[in-house]
Amino acid sequence: MSEWTQTIEPRGRLFDLKLGELWHYRDLIALFVRRDFVAQYKQTILGPAWHLIQPLLTTLMFTVVFGYIARIPTDGAPPFLFYMAGTVMWGYFSTVLTGTSGTFTSNAGIFGKVYFPRLAVPLADLLSKLIAFGIQFLFFLCFVGFFMLRGSVVSPNAWVLLTPLLLVIMAALGLGLGVMVSSLTTRYRDLTVVVGFGVQLLMYATPVIYPVSALPEPYRFWALLNPIAPVMEIFRFAYLGVGAVSLGLLTYSVAVTSVILFVGIVLFNRVERTFMDTV
């Protein structure tokens, strides 16, 4: 009789995360990534073109409403590029957060039938959203090049090298908050409603449609406590040359994001053992 090669058992310790299992299930994660990306606009007329249409229409609306009607300053950057930079970065964070926040409730059927690391599902969602971000980011770079050819005041600089770090921060923060909410929604379904408008409210508390410099001095400190704020400011400075860079605030953002991600994964790991009794 052949011996067992793997034993599946409940995790006894709170911090027994077994993140190494994710590497062994990398093929499954790849399948989930393909499923999430393809299924998003399946049976639509325009298909993947929506990845470009959505940020473009959102940017145009922000440019008209906040740029020309409300006349919110953009630190001298072309309003269209200013709002597109914010839309692309914020769009990645918000889609990761909303996508991973329903992990347990949306996948209860498959979770109850077969074993695999449950964290593979939100991780796959994060990666599929990264593909969409890549498409939108290239779209943004095309507009940056277009405005530079027109002679607009746009100054990409060496800070663009921090782009991978900025993406990791946004991804980790969205994943951490998402799995935290997902874990809590197994008992408190009200959170599924809160996430919808909560993300919208958080956008207005983040310098997406305005620079931090546009805020009154007493409010800038509180605005920069938002760990997304330094990321947005550095991203705009790197590609547009407006705003300011603070490595101290970036370090703060990394620290806060790390704590949120760790707490989210620990809570996810704890709920994973018993969620089928409550979902």
Protein backbone atom coordinates (compact mmCIF):
# COMPACT_ATOMS: atom_id res chain seq x y z
CA MET A 1 0.00 0.00 0.00
CA SER A 2 1.37 3.40 -0.99
CA GLU A 3 2.06 5.97 1.70
CA TRP A 4 0.29 9.30 1.94
CA THR A 5 2.29 12.15 0.47
CA GLN A 6 0.22 14.96 1.98
CA THR A 7 -1.96 15.38 5.03
CA ILE A 8 -4.78 17.93 5.10
CA GLU A 9 -5.68 19.05 8.60
CA PRO A 10 -6.99 22.15 10.38
CA ARG A 11 -4.40 24.74 11.19
CA GLY A 12 -3.86 24.72 14.91
CA ARG A 13 -1.95 27.97 15.34
CA LEU A 14 -3.14 31.44 14.47
CA PHE A 15 0.10 32.37 12.69
CA ASP A 16 0.47 29.05 10.87
CA LEU A 17 -0.18 30.67 7.49
CA LYS A 18 1.57 28.11 5.25
CA LEU A 19 2.10 30.67 2.51
CA GLY A 20 4.50 28.25 0.81
CA GLU A 21 1.47 26.23 -0.34
CA LEU A 22 0.61 29.00 -2.77
CA TRP A 23 3.72 28.17 -4.82
CA HIS A 24 2.70 24.52 -5.08
CA TYR A 25 -0.72 25.60 -6.35
CA ARG A 26 0.67 28.15 -8.84
CA ASP A 27 -0.95 26.36 -11.81
CA LEU A 28 -4.35 26.65 -10.14
CA ILE A 29 -3.73 30.32 -9.44
CA ALA A 30 -2.88 30.82 -13.12
CA LEU A 31 -6.20 29.21 -14.08
CA PHE A 32 -8.05 31.48 -11.66
CA VAL A 33 -6.27 34.52 -13.12
CA ARG A 34 -7.32 33.57 -16.64
CA ARG A 35 -10.88 32.89 -15.47
CA ASP A 36 -11.21 36.23 -13.69
CA PHE A 37 -9.73 38.26 -16.54
CA VAL A 38 -11.66 36.58 -19.34
CA ALA A 39 -14.99 36.32 -17.52
CA GLN A 40 -15.06 39.99 -16.56
CA TYR A 41 -16.26 41.19 -19.97
CA LYS A 42 -17.37 37.90 -21.48
CA GLN A 43 -20.46 38.16 -23.68
CA THR A 44 -20.02 41.93 -24.02
CA ILE A 45 -19.89 43.70 -27.37
CA LEU A 46 -16.68 45.65 -26.77
CA GLY A 47 -14.96 43.02 -24.59
CA PRO A 48 -11.46 44.00 -23.35
CA ALA A 49 -11.90 47.47 -24.87
CA TRP A 50 -13.76 48.35 -21.68
CA HIS A 51 -10.39 48.37 -19.91
CA LEU A 52 -9.63 51.49 -21.96
CA ILE A 53 -13.10 52.98 -22.21
CA GLN A 54 -13.74 53.07 -18.46
CA PRO A 55 -10.67 55.11 -17.42
CA LEU A 56 -11.04 57.34 -20.49
CA LEU A 57 -14.67 58.25 -19.75
CA THR A 58 -13.94 58.66 -16.04
CA THR A 59 -11.02 60.95 -16.82
CA LEU A 60 -13.10 63.04 -19.22
CA MET A 61 -15.83 63.43 -16.60
CA PHE A 62 -13.34 64.44 -13.90
CA THR A 63 -11.67 66.89 -16.29
CA VAL A 64 -14.95 68.61 -17.11
CA VAL A 65 -16.49 68.59 -13.63
CA PHE A 66 -13.48 69.16 -11.38
CA GLY A 67 -11.12 70.81 -13.85
CA TYR A 68 -13.31 73.22 -15.78
CA ILE A 69 -16.40 73.65 -13.60
CA ALA A 70 -15.07 73.35 -10.04
CA ARG A 71 -11.64 74.62 -11.19
CA ILE A 72 -9.67 72.52 -8.73
CA PRO A 73 -5.94 73.22 -9.23
CA THR A 74 -3.70 70.50 -10.63
CA ASP A 75 -0.29 71.94 -9.67
CA GLY A 76 0.26 73.11 -13.24
CA ALA A 77 -0.17 69.70 -14.88
CA PRO A 78 -2.61 69.29 -17.79
CA PRO A 79 -5.93 68.46 -16.09
CA PHE A 80 -6.57 65.46 -18.35
CA LEU A 81 -3.25 63.80 -17.44
CA PHE A 82 -3.62 64.73 -13.78
CA TYR A 83 -6.99 63.00 -13.50
CA MET A 84 -5.98 60.03 -15.64
CA ALA A 85 -2.97 59.36 -13.41
CA GLY A 86 -5.25 59.36 -10.38
CA THR A 87 -7.91 57.26 -12.11
CA VAL A 88 -5.49 54.54 -13.24
CA MET A 89 -3.80 54.13 -9.85
CA TRP A 90 -6.98 54.41 -7.82
CA GLY A 91 -8.80 52.07 -10.18
CA TYR A 92 -6.29 49.30 -9.49
CA PHE A 93 -6.59 49.64 -5.72
CA SER A 94 -10.39 49.88 -5.70
CA THR A 95 -10.93 46.89 -8.01
CA VAL A 96 -8.57 44.72 -5.94
CA LEU A 97 -10.36 45.74 -2.75
CA THR A 98 -13.88 45.17 -4.06
CA GLY A 99 -12.89 41.98 -5.88
CA THR A 100 -11.24 40.31 -2.89
CA SER A 101 -13.83 41.50 -0.36
CA GLY A 102 -16.30 38.83 -1.52
CA THR A 103 -13.88 35.89 -1.53
CA PHE A 104 -15.71 33.69 0.99
CA THR A 105 -19.30 34.49 0.04
CA SER A 106 -18.71 34.29 -3.72
CA ASN A 107 -16.71 31.05 -3.64
CA ALA A 108 -18.49 29.13 -0.87
CA GLY A 109 -19.58 26.46 -3.35
CA ILE A 110 -16.11 25.52 -4.53
CA PHE A 111 -14.56 25.99 -1.07
CA GLY A 112 -16.94 23.39 0.33
CA LYS A 113 -16.03 20.74 -2.27
CA VAL A 114 -12.28 20.68 -2.74
CA TYR A 115 -9.19 21.67 -0.81
CA PHE A 116 -6.66 24.24 -1.97
CA PRO A 117 -5.14 27.29 -0.25
CA ARG A 118 -8.08 29.69 0.05
CA LEU A 119 -5.74 32.65 -0.28
CA ALA A 120 -5.17 31.55 -3.89
CA VAL A 121 -8.51 33.07 -4.89
CA PRO A 122 -7.90 36.68 -3.72
CA LEU A 123 -4.31 36.43 -4.95
CA ALA A 124 -5.54 35.41 -8.40
CA ASP A 125 -8.01 38.30 -8.37
CA LEU A 126 -5.16 40.68 -7.56
CA LEU A 127 -3.08 39.36 -10.47
CA SER A 128 -5.97 39.51 -12.95
CA LYS A 129 -6.56 43.14 -11.97
CA LEU A 130 -2.83 43.74 -12.50
CA ILE A 131 -3.23 42.71 -16.15
CA ALA A 132 -6.03 45.25 -16.54
CA PHE A 133 -3.88 47.88 -14.84
CA GLY A 134 -1.04 47.14 -17.27
CA ILE A 135 -3.32 47.85 -20.23
CA GLN A 136 -4.57 51.09 -18.68
CA PHE A 137 -1.05 52.14 -17.67
CA LEU A 138 0.20 51.79 -21.26
CA PHE A 139 -2.84 53.82 -22.36
CA PHE A 140 -1.83 56.51 -19.85
CA LEU A 141 1.76 56.53 -21.13
CA CYS A 142 0.47 57.08 -24.67
CA PHE A 143 -1.33 60.22 -23.52
CA VAL A 144 1.76 61.40 -21.62
CA GLY A 145 3.79 61.07 -24.84
CA PHE A 146 1.08 62.86 -26.82
CA PHE A 147 0.99 65.83 -24.45
CA MET A 148 4.78 66.05 -24.44
CA LEU A 149 4.81 66.21 -28.24
CA ARG A 150 2.30 69.04 -28.04
CA GLY A 151 4.68 70.97 -25.79
CA SER A 152 2.72 70.65 -22.55
CA VAL A 153 4.55 71.03 -19.26
CA VAL A 154 5.05 67.34 -18.48
CA SER A 155 8.32 66.16 -16.97
CA PRO A 156 8.76 62.42 -16.36
CA ASN A 157 11.83 61.80 -14.24
CA ALA A 158 13.91 59.13 -12.51
CA TRP A 159 11.23 58.60 -9.87
CA VAL A 160 9.40 56.42 -12.40
CA LEU A 161 11.73 53.66 -11.21
CA LEU A 162 9.62 53.50 -8.05
CA THR A 163 6.57 52.41 -10.05
CA PRO A 164 6.92 48.69 -9.11
CA LEU A 165 7.09 49.61 -5.42
CA LEU A 166 4.05 51.87 -5.73
CA LEU A 167 2.14 49.04 -7.39
CA VAL A 168 3.12 46.60 -4.67
CA ILE A 169 1.86 49.02 -2.02
CA MET A 170 -1.48 49.50 -3.77
CA ALA A 171 -1.86 45.77 -4.39
CA ALA A 172 -0.93 44.82 -0.82
CA LEU A 173 -3.20 47.44 0.69
CA GLY A 174 -6.14 46.40 -1.49
CA LEU A 175 -5.51 42.72 -0.74
CA GLY A 176 -5.12 43.29 2.99
CA LEU A 177 -8.30 45.33 3.32
CA GLY A 178 -10.15 43.02 0.92
CA VAL A 179 -9.42 39.76 2.75
CA MET A 180 -10.15 41.51 6.05
CA VAL A 181 -13.59 42.55 4.82
CA SER A 182 -14.14 39.12 3.25
CA SER A 183 -13.44 37.45 6.57
CA LEU A 184 -15.84 39.71 8.44
CA THR A 185 -18.65 39.35 5.88
CA THR A 186 -19.01 35.66 6.76
CA ARG A 187 -20.78 36.88 9.92
CA TYR A 188 -21.71 40.47 9.12
CA ARG A 189 -23.29 40.66 5.68
CA ASP A 190 -23.87 44.40 6.08
CA LEU A 191 -20.24 44.92 5.11
CA THR A 192 -21.00 43.91 1.52
CA VAL A 193 -23.15 47.04 1.30
CA VAL A 194 -20.64 49.20 3.16
CA VAL A 195 -17.80 48.31 0.78
CA GLY A 196 -19.69 49.64 -2.22
CA PHE A 197 -20.10 53.22 -1.05
CA GLY A 198 -17.15 53.05 1.35
CA VAL A 199 -14.72 52.83 -1.57
CA GLN A 200 -16.35 55.87 -3.16
CA LEU A 201 -16.08 57.87 0.07
CA LEU A 202 -12.45 56.80 0.47
CA MET A 203 -11.69 58.12 -3.00
CA TYR A 204 -12.70 61.63 -1.93
CA ALA A 205 -10.50 61.28 1.16
CA THR A 206 -7.57 60.43 -1.13
CA PRO A 207 -5.82 62.92 -3.47
CA VAL A 208 -7.27 61.42 -6.63
CA ILE A 209 -9.12 64.45 -7.96
CA TYR A 210 -7.04 67.06 -6.15
CA PRO A 211 -3.39 67.48 -5.10
CA VAL A 212 -2.50 67.63 -1.41
CA SER A 213 -1.22 71.16 -2.01
CA ALA A 214 -4.79 72.28 -2.78
CA LEU A 215 -5.89 71.51 0.78
CA PRO A 216 -5.71 74.13 3.54
CA GLU A 217 -2.53 73.76 5.57
CA PRO A 218 -4.23 72.35 8.75
CA TYR A 219 -5.78 69.49 6.72
CA ARG A 220 -2.71 68.36 4.79
CA PHE A 221 -1.30 66.41 7.73
CA TRP A 222 -4.52 64.44 8.14
CA ALA A 223 -4.77 63.80 4.41
CA LEU A 224 -1.25 62.38 4.33
CA LEU A 225 -2.12 59.90 7.10
CA ASN A 226 -3.96 58.05 4.36
CA PRO A 227 -1.33 55.51 3.20
CA ILE A 228 -2.53 55.86 -0.39
CA ALA A 229 -1.86 59.62 -0.47
CA PRO A 230 1.97 59.41 -0.69
CA VAL A 231 1.65 56.80 -3.46
CA MET A 232 -0.60 59.06 -5.52
CA GLU A 233 1.63 62.08 -5.01
CA ILE A 234 4.82 60.23 -5.96
CA PHE A 235 3.20 58.63 -9.01
CA ARG A 236 2.12 62.02 -10.34
CA PHE A 237 5.50 63.56 -9.58
CA ALA A 238 7.29 60.71 -11.37
CA TYR A 239 5.30 60.89 -14.60
CA LEU A 240 4.04 64.48 -14.69
CA GLY A 241 6.62 66.36 -12.63
CA VAL A 242 4.05 67.93 -10.30
CA GLY A 243 3.59 67.59 -6.58
CA ALA A 244 6.26 66.51 -4.13
CA VAL A 245 8.14 63.39 -3.06
CA SER A 246 8.62 62.43 0.57
CA LEU A 247 10.55 59.25 1.30
CA GLY A 248 9.50 59.53 4.92
CA LEU A 249 5.81 59.40 3.98
CA LEU A 250 6.52 56.57 1.55
CA THR A 251 8.16 54.61 4.38
CA TYR A 252 5.11 55.31 6.53
CA SER A 253 2.86 54.05 3.74
CA VAL A 254 4.91 50.84 3.44
CA ALA A 255 4.73 50.28 7.21
CA VAL A 256 0.97 50.81 7.45
CA THR A 257 0.35 48.63 4.39
CA SER A 258 2.48 45.83 5.84
CA VAL A 259 0.51 45.87 9.09
CA ILE A 260 -2.85 45.87 7.28
CA LEU A 261 -1.77 43.02 4.99
CA PHE A 262 -0.47 40.93 7.89
CA VAL A 263 -3.61 41.46 9.98
CA GLY A 264 -5.80 40.71 6.97
CA ILE A 265 -4.04 37.43 6.16
CA VAL A 266 -4.07 36.31 9.82
CA LEU A 267 -7.79 37.06 10.09
CA PHE A 268 -8.41 35.31 6.76
CA ASN A 269 -6.50 32.27 8.01
CA ARG A 270 -8.56 32.14 11.20
CA VAL A 271 -11.94 32.46 9.49
CA GLU A 272 -10.97 29.95 6.79
CA ARG A 273 -11.22 27.08 9.29
CA THR A 274 -14.85 27.68 10.27
CA PHE A 275 -16.47 29.87 7.61
CA MET A 276 -18.49 27.02 6.08
CA ASP A 277 -20.53 26.92 9.29
CA THR A 278 -21.64 30.53 8.87
CA VAL A 279 -21.75 31.23 5.11
